[in-house]
């Protein structure tokens, strides 16, 4: 392996709509039901694929008028959804960087929120390059975004490790020829990287 390609959300960045919306509900169960119905991951993926938040929010409000006020809070609450770095994962990233490993990132991210994250977290500048889904109009696990990343980064897929928290993205990366790992936590990632001889 001579390059490592990281997903960002829930691997290096601790992000969840639950961090913001919990304050508006009497219980976790009520909040989770709201998020599953009104603001599911597939809806977030539409913005990650390039749909403007204003349009996505308006569409969802029409579908769920009873939740219109809460849906409208999405953009203003996004900062609270992004809690911060996952410290143990960033420490691993720092070790890989110190070893001279080529580092890249491939993330499903809206072009509207990406600049906010980029300005907030210095470690994002450690990557040689980053492919953001919103800039290309395609999201993981679509094989096209892996093809875009492989071409842009000029990496050799069998010698490139890809790390992602979603099993579907890992499977798609493997199908694209990358060596992919399913991220389940920093301790397990450290063990996997040690077994690969990268740490």
N, C-alpha and C. Protein backbone atom coordinates (compact mmCIF):
# COMPACT_ATOMS: atom_id res chain seq x y z
N UNK A 1 0.83 -1.19 0.00
CA UNK A 1 0.00 0.00 0.00
C UNK A 1 0.88 1.26 0.00
N UNK A 2 0.58 2.15 -0.93
CA UNK A 2 1.36 3.40 -0.95
C UNK A 2 0.47 4.65 -0.88
N UNK A 3 -0.84 4.45 -0.66
CA UNK A 3 -1.75 5.59 -0.51
C UNK A 3 -2.94 5.16 0.34
N UNK A 4 -3.47 6.09 1.12
CA UNK A 4 -4.65 5.83 1.94
C UNK A 4 -5.69 6.89 1.63
N UNK A 5 -6.89 6.41 1.36
CA UNK A 5 -8.01 7.26 0.95
C UNK A 5 -9.09 7.18 2.03
N UNK A 6 -9.35 8.30 2.70
CA UNK A 6 -10.27 8.33 3.84
C UNK A 6 -11.64 8.89 3.44
N UNK A 7 -12.70 8.27 3.96
CA UNK A 7 -13.98 8.93 4.09
C UNK A 7 -13.83 9.92 5.25
N UNK A 8 -14.71 10.93 5.33
CA UNK A 8 -14.60 11.92 6.39
C UNK A 8 -15.67 11.76 7.47
N UNK A 9 -16.95 11.88 7.08
CA UNK A 9 -18.01 11.81 8.06
C UNK A 9 -18.08 10.48 8.79
N UNK A 10 -18.05 10.54 10.12
CA UNK A 10 -18.12 9.38 11.01
C UNK A 10 -16.86 8.51 10.97
N UNK A 11 -15.84 8.97 10.25
CA UNK A 11 -14.52 8.34 10.30
C UNK A 11 -13.53 9.30 10.93
N UNK A 12 -13.48 10.51 10.42
CA UNK A 12 -12.62 11.56 10.98
C UNK A 12 -13.42 12.71 11.59
N UNK A 13 -14.65 12.89 11.12
CA UNK A 13 -15.52 13.96 11.61
C UNK A 13 -16.76 13.36 12.27
N UNK A 14 -17.04 13.81 13.48
CA UNK A 14 -18.19 13.31 14.24
C UNK A 14 -19.42 14.13 13.86
N UNK A 15 -20.23 13.58 12.96
CA UNK A 15 -21.39 14.30 12.43
C UNK A 15 -22.65 13.47 12.59
N UNK A 16 -23.71 14.12 13.05
CA UNK A 16 -25.01 13.48 13.12
C UNK A 16 -26.09 14.53 13.32
N UNK A 17 -27.21 14.45 12.58
CA UNK A 17 -28.33 15.37 12.82
C UNK A 17 -28.89 15.26 14.23
N UNK A 18 -28.65 14.11 14.88
CA UNK A 18 -29.17 13.90 16.22
C UNK A 18 -28.60 14.91 17.20
N UNK A 19 -27.37 15.36 16.97
CA UNK A 19 -26.75 16.30 17.90
C UNK A 19 -27.50 17.62 17.97
N UNK A 20 -28.13 17.99 16.89
CA UNK A 20 -28.88 19.25 16.85
C UNK A 20 -30.35 19.04 17.21
N UNK A 21 -30.98 18.04 16.63
CA UNK A 21 -32.43 17.91 16.74
C UNK A 21 -32.90 17.32 18.08
N UNK A 22 -31.98 16.77 18.85
CA UNK A 22 -32.40 16.17 20.13
C UNK A 22 -33.10 17.19 21.02
N UNK A 23 -32.70 18.44 20.99
CA UNK A 23 -33.24 19.47 21.89
C UNK A 23 -34.72 19.76 21.64
N UNK A 24 -35.22 19.34 20.49
CA UNK A 24 -36.60 19.66 20.13
C UNK A 24 -37.59 18.54 20.46
N UNK A 25 -37.12 17.45 21.07
CA UNK A 25 -37.98 16.30 21.31
C UNK A 25 -37.89 15.84 22.77
N UNK A 26 -38.97 15.25 23.23
CA UNK A 26 -39.02 14.79 24.60
C UNK A 26 -38.25 13.49 24.81
N UNK A 27 -37.99 12.76 23.72
CA UNK A 27 -37.28 11.49 23.84
C UNK A 27 -36.45 11.22 22.60
N UNK A 28 -35.47 10.34 22.74
CA UNK A 28 -34.68 9.92 21.59
C UNK A 28 -35.56 9.21 20.56
N UNK A 29 -36.51 8.43 21.04
CA UNK A 29 -37.37 7.69 20.13
C UNK A 29 -38.18 8.63 19.24
N UNK A 30 -38.69 9.71 19.82
CA UNK A 30 -39.48 10.68 19.04
C UNK A 30 -38.59 11.38 18.01
N UNK A 31 -37.38 11.75 18.43
CA UNK A 31 -36.45 12.39 17.50
C UNK A 31 -36.07 11.45 16.36
N UNK A 32 -35.76 10.21 16.69
CA UNK A 32 -35.34 9.25 15.67
C UNK A 32 -36.46 8.99 14.67
N UNK A 33 -37.69 8.96 15.16
CA UNK A 33 -38.83 8.76 14.25
C UNK A 33 -38.97 9.94 13.31
N UNK A 34 -38.79 11.14 13.81
CA UNK A 34 -38.83 12.35 12.97
C UNK A 34 -37.74 12.32 11.91
N UNK A 35 -36.53 12.03 12.32
CA UNK A 35 -35.42 12.02 11.37
C UNK A 35 -35.60 10.93 10.32
N UNK A 36 -36.05 9.76 10.72
CA UNK A 36 -36.24 8.66 9.77
C UNK A 36 -37.31 9.00 8.74
N UNK A 37 -38.34 9.70 9.17
CA UNK A 37 -39.44 10.02 8.26
C UNK A 37 -39.17 11.28 7.45
N UNK A 38 -38.79 12.36 8.12
CA UNK A 38 -38.72 13.67 7.47
C UNK A 38 -37.35 13.98 6.88
N UNK A 39 -36.28 13.53 7.53
CA UNK A 39 -34.92 13.90 7.09
C UNK A 39 -34.03 12.66 7.01
N UNK A 40 -34.38 11.68 6.20
CA UNK A 40 -33.61 10.44 6.14
C UNK A 40 -32.28 10.62 5.41
N UNK A 41 -31.38 9.64 5.54
CA UNK A 41 -30.08 9.73 4.85
C UNK A 41 -30.21 9.95 3.35
N UNK A 42 -31.23 9.37 2.73
CA UNK A 42 -31.38 9.55 1.28
C UNK A 42 -31.63 11.01 0.93
N UNK A 43 -32.30 11.73 1.80
CA UNK A 43 -32.53 13.16 1.57
C UNK A 43 -31.22 13.94 1.70
N UNK A 44 -30.44 13.61 2.71
CA UNK A 44 -29.13 14.27 2.89
C UNK A 44 -28.26 14.00 1.67
N UNK A 45 -28.34 12.79 1.13
CA UNK A 45 -27.55 12.43 -0.05
C UNK A 45 -27.89 13.29 -1.25
N UNK A 46 -29.14 13.77 -1.34
CA UNK A 46 -29.50 14.65 -2.45
C UNK A 46 -28.69 15.95 -2.40
N UNK A 47 -28.49 16.48 -1.22
CA UNK A 47 -27.66 17.69 -1.08
C UNK A 47 -26.19 17.36 -1.30
N UNK A 48 -25.78 16.19 -0.84
CA UNK A 48 -24.39 15.76 -1.08
C UNK A 48 -24.12 15.57 -2.57
N UNK A 49 -25.18 15.34 -3.34
CA UNK A 49 -25.04 15.17 -4.79
C UNK A 49 -25.19 16.50 -5.54
N UNK A 50 -25.40 17.58 -4.80
CA UNK A 50 -25.41 18.88 -5.45
C UNK A 50 -26.70 19.68 -5.37
N UNK A 51 -27.76 19.09 -4.85
CA UNK A 51 -29.02 19.84 -4.75
C UNK A 51 -28.88 20.94 -3.70
N UNK A 52 -29.23 22.18 -4.03
CA UNK A 52 -29.14 23.27 -3.04
C UNK A 52 -30.01 22.98 -1.82
N UNK A 53 -29.50 23.32 -0.65
CA UNK A 53 -30.25 23.06 0.59
C UNK A 53 -31.60 23.75 0.58
N UNK A 54 -31.66 24.95 0.06
CA UNK A 54 -32.92 25.69 0.02
C UNK A 54 -33.99 24.90 -0.75
N UNK A 55 -33.59 24.31 -1.86
CA UNK A 55 -34.52 23.52 -2.67
C UNK A 55 -34.91 22.24 -1.94
N UNK A 56 -33.91 21.56 -1.39
CA UNK A 56 -34.16 20.29 -0.69
C UNK A 56 -35.08 20.49 0.51
N UNK A 57 -34.86 21.57 1.25
CA UNK A 57 -35.68 21.86 2.42
C UNK A 57 -37.12 22.16 2.00
N UNK A 58 -37.29 22.98 0.98
CA UNK A 58 -38.64 23.34 0.52
C UNK A 58 -39.40 22.10 0.05
N UNK A 59 -38.72 21.20 -0.66
CA UNK A 59 -39.37 19.98 -1.11
C UNK A 59 -39.84 19.13 0.07
N UNK A 60 -38.99 19.04 1.07
CA UNK A 60 -39.34 18.22 2.24
C UNK A 60 -40.47 18.85 3.04
N UNK A 61 -40.48 20.16 3.11
CA UNK A 61 -41.57 20.85 3.82
C UNK A 61 -42.92 20.60 3.15
N UNK A 62 -42.93 20.53 1.84
CA UNK A 62 -44.17 20.24 1.13
C UNK A 62 -44.65 18.82 1.40
N UNK A 63 -43.71 17.90 1.55
CA UNK A 63 -44.07 16.51 1.84
C UNK A 63 -44.53 16.33 3.28
N UNK A 64 -43.93 17.09 4.19
CA UNK A 64 -44.22 16.95 5.61
C UNK A 64 -44.52 18.32 6.23
N UNK A 65 -45.65 18.92 5.85
CA UNK A 65 -45.98 20.26 6.34
C UNK A 65 -46.08 20.34 7.86
N UNK A 66 -46.43 19.22 8.50
CA UNK A 66 -46.52 19.20 9.96
C UNK A 66 -45.16 19.40 10.62
N UNK A 67 -44.08 19.16 9.87
CA UNK A 67 -42.72 19.32 10.39
C UNK A 67 -41.98 20.49 9.74
N UNK A 68 -42.71 21.37 9.07
CA UNK A 68 -42.07 22.41 8.28
C UNK A 68 -41.11 23.27 9.09
N UNK A 69 -41.48 23.63 10.31
CA UNK A 69 -40.64 24.50 11.12
C UNK A 69 -39.32 23.82 11.50
N UNK A 70 -39.41 22.53 11.84
CA UNK A 70 -38.19 21.81 12.21
C UNK A 70 -37.30 21.56 11.00
N UNK A 71 -37.92 21.25 9.88
CA UNK A 71 -37.14 21.03 8.65
C UNK A 71 -36.40 22.31 8.27
N UNK A 72 -37.05 23.45 8.47
CA UNK A 72 -36.44 24.74 8.13
C UNK A 72 -35.18 25.02 8.94
N UNK A 73 -35.04 24.36 10.07
CA UNK A 73 -33.88 24.59 10.94
C UNK A 73 -32.62 23.88 10.47
N UNK A 74 -32.73 23.05 9.44
CA UNK A 74 -31.59 22.23 9.02
C UNK A 74 -30.32 23.05 8.80
N UNK A 75 -30.41 24.07 7.98
CA UNK A 75 -29.20 24.82 7.62
C UNK A 75 -28.60 25.54 8.82
N UNK A 76 -29.45 26.17 9.64
CA UNK A 76 -28.91 26.90 10.79
C UNK A 76 -28.34 25.95 11.84
N UNK A 77 -28.84 24.71 11.86
CA UNK A 77 -28.36 23.77 12.86
C UNK A 77 -27.19 22.92 12.42
N UNK A 78 -26.75 23.08 11.16
CA UNK A 78 -25.73 22.18 10.63
C UNK A 78 -24.43 22.23 11.44
N UNK A 79 -24.05 23.42 11.91
CA UNK A 79 -22.81 23.53 12.71
C UNK A 79 -22.88 22.64 13.94
N UNK A 80 -24.06 22.56 14.56
CA UNK A 80 -24.20 21.73 15.76
C UNK A 80 -24.22 20.25 15.42
N UNK A 81 -24.60 19.90 14.20
CA UNK A 81 -24.56 18.50 13.78
C UNK A 81 -23.12 18.02 13.63
N UNK A 82 -22.23 18.93 13.26
CA UNK A 82 -20.82 18.59 13.11
C UNK A 82 -20.12 18.87 14.44
N UNK A 83 -20.09 17.86 15.28
CA UNK A 83 -19.62 18.05 16.67
C UNK A 83 -18.13 18.37 16.71
N UNK A 84 -17.32 17.71 15.88
CA UNK A 84 -15.88 17.95 15.91
C UNK A 84 -15.12 16.77 15.35
N UNK A 85 -13.81 16.78 15.50
CA UNK A 85 -13.01 15.66 15.00
C UNK A 85 -13.16 14.43 15.89
N UNK A 86 -12.97 13.26 15.30
CA UNK A 86 -12.86 12.02 16.07
C UNK A 86 -11.37 11.88 16.40
N UNK A 87 -11.02 12.23 17.62
CA UNK A 87 -9.62 12.44 18.00
C UNK A 87 -8.73 11.23 17.72
N UNK A 88 -9.21 10.03 18.06
CA UNK A 88 -8.38 8.83 17.86
C UNK A 88 -8.12 8.58 16.38
N UNK A 89 -9.10 8.86 15.55
CA UNK A 89 -8.92 8.68 14.10
C UNK A 89 -7.95 9.72 13.54
N UNK A 90 -8.06 10.95 14.02
CA UNK A 90 -7.15 12.00 13.56
C UNK A 90 -5.72 11.69 14.00
N UNK A 91 -5.57 11.08 15.17
CA UNK A 91 -4.23 10.69 15.63
C UNK A 91 -3.62 9.65 14.69
N UNK A 92 -4.44 8.71 14.21
CA UNK A 92 -3.97 7.72 13.24
C UNK A 92 -3.58 8.41 11.94
N UNK A 93 -4.41 9.35 11.50
CA UNK A 93 -4.10 10.12 10.30
C UNK A 93 -2.76 10.83 10.45
N UNK A 94 -2.51 11.40 11.62
CA UNK A 94 -1.25 12.09 11.88
C UNK A 94 -0.06 11.14 11.79
N UNK A 95 -0.22 9.92 12.28
CA UNK A 95 0.86 8.93 12.21
C UNK A 95 1.14 8.54 10.77
N UNK A 96 0.09 8.36 10.01
CA UNK A 96 0.28 8.02 8.59
C UNK A 96 0.98 9.17 7.87
N UNK A 97 0.59 10.38 8.19
CA UNK A 97 1.21 11.56 7.58
C UNK A 97 2.70 11.63 7.94
N UNK A 98 3.00 11.37 9.20
CA UNK A 98 4.40 11.42 9.65
C UNK A 98 5.25 10.36 8.97
N UNK A 99 4.62 9.26 8.58
CA UNK A 99 5.36 8.17 7.93
C UNK A 99 5.61 8.45 6.45
N UNK A 100 5.00 9.53 5.93
CA UNK A 100 5.17 9.87 4.53
C UNK A 100 4.15 9.25 3.60
N UNK A 101 3.12 8.63 4.16
CA UNK A 101 2.08 8.01 3.34
C UNK A 101 1.33 9.08 2.55
N UNK A 102 1.00 8.75 1.30
CA UNK A 102 0.16 9.63 0.49
C UNK A 102 -1.26 9.55 1.05
N UNK A 103 -1.86 10.72 1.30
CA UNK A 103 -3.18 10.77 1.95
C UNK A 103 -4.17 11.54 1.09
N UNK A 104 -5.35 10.95 0.91
CA UNK A 104 -6.42 11.58 0.14
C UNK A 104 -7.74 11.35 0.87
N UNK A 105 -8.76 12.10 0.47
CA UNK A 105 -10.09 11.91 1.05
C UNK A 105 -11.13 11.89 -0.06
N UNK A 106 -12.17 11.08 0.17
CA UNK A 106 -13.31 10.98 -0.74
C UNK A 106 -14.55 11.00 0.14
N UNK A 107 -15.34 12.07 0.05
CA UNK A 107 -16.43 12.24 0.99
C UNK A 107 -17.72 12.68 0.31
N UNK A 108 -18.84 12.13 0.78
CA UNK A 108 -20.14 12.67 0.42
C UNK A 108 -20.36 13.94 1.24
N UNK A 109 -20.38 15.07 0.56
CA UNK A 109 -20.46 16.35 1.26
C UNK A 109 -21.11 17.37 0.34
N UNK A 110 -21.98 18.18 0.90
CA UNK A 110 -22.59 19.28 0.15
C UNK A 110 -21.56 20.36 -0.14
N UNK A 111 -21.64 20.96 -1.31
CA UNK A 111 -20.73 22.07 -1.62
C UNK A 111 -21.03 23.29 -0.78
N UNK A 112 -22.21 23.36 -0.19
CA UNK A 112 -22.55 24.50 0.66
C UNK A 112 -21.95 24.37 2.05
N UNK A 113 -21.85 23.16 2.56
CA UNK A 113 -21.31 22.97 3.90
C UNK A 113 -19.82 22.62 3.91
N UNK A 114 -19.31 22.13 2.79
CA UNK A 114 -17.90 21.75 2.74
C UNK A 114 -16.96 22.90 3.11
N UNK A 115 -17.14 24.11 2.60
CA UNK A 115 -16.22 25.19 2.98
C UNK A 115 -16.23 25.46 4.49
N UNK A 116 -17.37 25.24 5.15
CA UNK A 116 -17.45 25.45 6.59
C UNK A 116 -16.57 24.44 7.33
N UNK A 117 -16.62 23.18 6.90
CA UNK A 117 -15.78 22.15 7.52
C UNK A 117 -14.31 22.41 7.23
N UNK A 118 -14.01 22.78 6.00
CA UNK A 118 -12.62 22.99 5.59
C UNK A 118 -11.98 24.12 6.40
N UNK A 119 -12.75 25.16 6.69
CA UNK A 119 -12.23 26.28 7.46
C UNK A 119 -12.09 25.95 8.95
N UNK A 120 -12.86 24.99 9.40
CA UNK A 120 -12.92 24.70 10.84
C UNK A 120 -11.86 23.71 11.30
N UNK A 121 -11.45 22.79 10.43
CA UNK A 121 -10.56 21.70 10.86
C UNK A 121 -9.25 21.73 10.08
N UNK A 122 -8.17 22.08 10.77
CA UNK A 122 -6.87 22.21 10.13
C UNK A 122 -6.38 20.90 9.52
N UNK A 123 -6.73 19.77 10.13
CA UNK A 123 -6.18 18.50 9.64
C UNK A 123 -6.67 18.16 8.24
N UNK A 124 -7.73 18.81 7.77
CA UNK A 124 -8.18 18.56 6.40
C UNK A 124 -7.15 19.04 5.38
N UNK A 125 -6.28 19.92 5.79
CA UNK A 125 -5.21 20.39 4.88
C UNK A 125 -4.08 19.38 4.75
N UNK A 126 -4.11 18.31 5.55
CA UNK A 126 -3.06 17.29 5.46
C UNK A 126 -3.21 16.43 4.22
N UNK A 127 -4.39 16.40 3.63
CA UNK A 127 -4.61 15.57 2.45
C UNK A 127 -4.02 16.23 1.21
N UNK A 128 -3.42 15.42 0.36
CA UNK A 128 -2.90 15.94 -0.90
C UNK A 128 -4.03 16.47 -1.78
N UNK A 129 -5.19 15.81 -1.71
CA UNK A 129 -6.33 16.23 -2.50
C UNK A 129 -7.58 15.58 -1.90
N UNK A 130 -8.74 16.18 -2.16
CA UNK A 130 -10.01 15.68 -1.63
C UNK A 130 -11.06 15.76 -2.74
N UNK A 131 -11.77 14.66 -2.95
CA UNK A 131 -12.92 14.65 -3.85
C UNK A 131 -14.17 14.78 -3.00
N UNK A 132 -14.96 15.82 -3.27
CA UNK A 132 -16.21 16.09 -2.56
C UNK A 132 -17.36 15.80 -3.53
N UNK A 133 -18.28 14.97 -3.10
CA UNK A 133 -19.34 14.50 -3.99
C UNK A 133 -20.14 15.64 -4.63
N UNK A 134 -20.46 16.66 -3.86
CA UNK A 134 -21.28 17.74 -4.37
C UNK A 134 -20.69 18.46 -5.56
N UNK A 135 -19.37 18.42 -5.68
CA UNK A 135 -18.70 19.09 -6.79
C UNK A 135 -18.83 18.28 -8.08
N UNK A 136 -19.22 17.02 -7.97
CA UNK A 136 -19.29 16.15 -9.14
C UNK A 136 -20.70 15.63 -9.41
N UNK A 137 -21.64 15.92 -8.52
CA UNK A 137 -23.01 15.51 -8.73
C UNK A 137 -23.25 14.02 -8.61
N UNK A 138 -22.39 13.34 -7.88
CA UNK A 138 -22.53 11.89 -7.71
C UNK A 138 -21.99 11.52 -6.33
N UNK A 139 -22.68 10.59 -5.66
CA UNK A 139 -22.32 10.23 -4.30
C UNK A 139 -21.93 8.75 -4.21
N UNK A 140 -21.13 8.44 -3.22
CA UNK A 140 -20.88 7.03 -2.89
C UNK A 140 -22.22 6.40 -2.50
N UNK A 141 -22.48 5.16 -2.89
CA UNK A 141 -21.56 4.16 -3.44
C UNK A 141 -21.56 4.08 -4.97
N UNK A 142 -22.00 5.09 -5.67
CA UNK A 142 -21.97 5.08 -7.13
C UNK A 142 -20.54 4.84 -7.60
N UNK A 143 -20.30 3.84 -8.44
CA UNK A 143 -18.93 3.55 -8.88
C UNK A 143 -18.26 4.71 -9.60
N UNK A 144 -19.05 5.61 -10.15
CA UNK A 144 -18.45 6.73 -10.88
C UNK A 144 -17.60 7.62 -9.99
N UNK A 145 -17.98 7.78 -8.72
CA UNK A 145 -17.20 8.67 -7.87
C UNK A 145 -15.86 8.05 -7.50
N UNK A 146 -15.82 6.72 -7.44
CA UNK A 146 -14.53 6.06 -7.20
C UNK A 146 -13.63 6.19 -8.43
N UNK A 147 -14.23 6.10 -9.60
CA UNK A 147 -13.45 6.29 -10.84
C UNK A 147 -12.89 7.71 -10.90
N UNK A 148 -13.70 8.68 -10.50
CA UNK A 148 -13.24 10.08 -10.48
C UNK A 148 -12.05 10.22 -9.54
N UNK A 149 -12.16 9.65 -8.34
CA UNK A 149 -11.09 9.77 -7.35
C UNK A 149 -9.82 9.08 -7.82
N UNK A 150 -9.94 7.89 -8.38
CA UNK A 150 -8.76 7.14 -8.82
C UNK A 150 -8.02 7.92 -9.91
N UNK A 151 -8.78 8.47 -10.86
CA UNK A 151 -8.14 9.25 -11.94
C UNK A 151 -7.51 10.53 -11.39
N UNK A 152 -8.25 11.23 -10.57
CA UNK A 152 -7.78 12.53 -10.08
C UNK A 152 -6.55 12.39 -9.17
N UNK A 153 -6.57 11.38 -8.31
CA UNK A 153 -5.46 11.20 -7.38
C UNK A 153 -4.28 10.47 -8.02
N UNK A 154 -4.52 9.86 -9.18
CA UNK A 154 -3.47 9.09 -9.87
C UNK A 154 -2.89 8.01 -8.97
N UNK A 155 -3.80 7.24 -8.38
CA UNK A 155 -3.37 6.15 -7.51
C UNK A 155 -3.56 4.82 -8.24
N UNK A 156 -2.82 3.82 -7.77
CA UNK A 156 -2.94 2.45 -8.26
C UNK A 156 -3.93 1.74 -7.34
N UNK A 157 -5.14 1.42 -7.80
CA UNK A 157 -6.18 0.90 -6.90
C UNK A 157 -5.74 -0.24 -5.99
N UNK A 158 -5.07 -1.30 -6.49
CA UNK A 158 -4.71 -2.40 -5.58
C UNK A 158 -3.74 -1.99 -4.47
N UNK A 159 -3.04 -0.88 -4.68
CA UNK A 159 -2.08 -0.41 -3.68
C UNK A 159 -2.62 0.76 -2.87
N UNK A 160 -3.95 0.98 -3.00
CA UNK A 160 -4.58 2.10 -2.31
C UNK A 160 -5.62 1.59 -1.33
N UNK A 161 -5.49 1.98 -0.07
CA UNK A 161 -6.42 1.58 0.97
C UNK A 161 -7.52 2.63 1.11
N UNK A 162 -8.77 2.18 1.08
CA UNK A 162 -9.92 3.06 1.26
C UNK A 162 -10.61 2.71 2.57
N UNK A 163 -10.97 3.73 3.35
CA UNK A 163 -11.57 3.53 4.67
C UNK A 163 -12.90 4.26 4.73
N UNK A 164 -13.99 3.53 5.07
CA UNK A 164 -15.32 4.14 5.10
C UNK A 164 -16.15 3.44 6.17
N UNK A 165 -17.10 4.18 6.75
CA UNK A 165 -17.93 3.61 7.82
C UNK A 165 -19.15 2.87 7.30
N UNK A 166 -19.49 3.00 6.02
CA UNK A 166 -20.68 2.36 5.47
C UNK A 166 -20.28 1.13 4.64
N UNK A 167 -20.88 -0.01 4.99
CA UNK A 167 -20.52 -1.26 4.31
C UNK A 167 -20.78 -1.19 2.81
N UNK A 168 -21.84 -0.49 2.39
CA UNK A 168 -22.13 -0.37 0.97
C UNK A 168 -21.05 0.37 0.22
N UNK A 169 -20.48 1.38 0.85
CA UNK A 169 -19.39 2.12 0.22
C UNK A 169 -18.12 1.28 0.14
N UNK A 170 -17.90 0.49 1.17
CA UNK A 170 -16.74 -0.41 1.19
C UNK A 170 -16.85 -1.43 0.06
N UNK A 171 -18.03 -2.00 -0.11
CA UNK A 171 -18.23 -2.97 -1.18
C UNK A 171 -18.03 -2.35 -2.55
N UNK A 172 -18.53 -1.13 -2.73
CA UNK A 172 -18.36 -0.44 -4.01
C UNK A 172 -16.90 -0.11 -4.27
N UNK A 173 -16.17 0.27 -3.23
CA UNK A 173 -14.75 0.56 -3.39
C UNK A 173 -13.98 -0.70 -3.78
N UNK A 174 -14.30 -1.80 -3.14
CA UNK A 174 -13.65 -3.07 -3.50
C UNK A 174 -13.94 -3.43 -4.96
N UNK A 175 -15.18 -3.20 -5.38
CA UNK A 175 -15.55 -3.50 -6.77
C UNK A 175 -14.80 -2.60 -7.75
N UNK A 176 -14.36 -1.43 -7.29
CA UNK A 176 -13.60 -0.51 -8.13
C UNK A 176 -12.12 -0.84 -8.15
N UNK A 177 -11.73 -1.87 -7.42
CA UNK A 177 -10.34 -2.30 -7.40
C UNK A 177 -9.53 -1.80 -6.23
N UNK A 178 -10.13 -0.96 -5.40
CA UNK A 178 -9.44 -0.47 -4.21
C UNK A 178 -9.41 -1.55 -3.14
N UNK A 179 -8.47 -1.45 -2.22
CA UNK A 179 -8.45 -2.31 -1.04
C UNK A 179 -9.19 -1.56 0.05
N UNK A 180 -10.40 -2.00 0.39
CA UNK A 180 -11.27 -1.22 1.27
C UNK A 180 -11.44 -1.86 2.64
N UNK A 181 -11.51 -1.00 3.66
CA UNK A 181 -11.74 -1.42 5.04
C UNK A 181 -13.02 -0.78 5.56
N UNK A 182 -13.80 -1.56 6.30
CA UNK A 182 -15.00 -1.05 6.95
C UNK A 182 -14.60 -0.46 8.31
N UNK A 183 -14.80 0.83 8.47
CA UNK A 183 -14.45 1.51 9.72
C UNK A 183 -15.54 1.27 10.76
N UNK A 184 -15.17 0.67 11.88
CA UNK A 184 -16.10 0.47 12.98
C UNK A 184 -15.62 1.16 14.26
N UNK A 185 -14.52 1.85 14.16
CA UNK A 185 -13.95 2.56 15.31
C UNK A 185 -12.45 2.65 15.17
N UNK A 186 -11.88 3.67 15.80
CA UNK A 186 -10.44 3.90 15.68
C UNK A 186 -9.60 2.74 16.23
N UNK A 187 -9.95 2.11 17.34
CA UNK A 187 -9.13 0.99 17.84
C UNK A 187 -9.02 -0.14 16.82
N UNK A 188 -10.13 -0.51 16.19
CA UNK A 188 -10.09 -1.56 15.19
C UNK A 188 -9.31 -1.13 13.96
N UNK A 189 -9.45 0.14 13.58
CA UNK A 189 -8.70 0.64 12.43
C UNK A 189 -7.21 0.55 12.69
N UNK A 190 -6.81 0.89 13.89
CA UNK A 190 -5.38 0.82 14.22
C UNK A 190 -4.87 -0.61 14.06
N UNK A 191 -5.63 -1.57 14.54
CA UNK A 191 -5.23 -2.98 14.40
C UNK A 191 -5.12 -3.37 12.93
N UNK A 192 -6.13 -2.95 12.15
CA UNK A 192 -6.12 -3.30 10.72
C UNK A 192 -4.91 -2.69 10.03
N UNK A 193 -4.58 -1.46 10.34
CA UNK A 193 -3.45 -0.79 9.71
C UNK A 193 -2.13 -1.43 10.14
N UNK A 194 -2.06 -1.84 11.38
CA UNK A 194 -0.84 -2.54 11.85
C UNK A 194 -0.68 -3.86 11.11
N UNK A 195 -1.79 -4.57 10.89
CA UNK A 195 -1.72 -5.85 10.19
C UNK A 195 -1.30 -5.65 8.73
N UNK A 196 -1.63 -4.51 8.17
CA UNK A 196 -1.23 -4.19 6.79
C UNK A 196 0.19 -3.61 6.72
N UNK A 197 0.79 -3.38 7.89
CA UNK A 197 2.14 -2.83 7.93
C UNK A 197 2.19 -1.33 7.67
N UNK A 198 1.08 -0.66 7.86
CA UNK A 198 1.04 0.78 7.60
C UNK A 198 1.26 1.62 8.85
N UNK A 199 1.19 1.01 10.01
CA UNK A 199 1.49 1.68 11.28
C UNK A 199 2.53 0.87 12.05
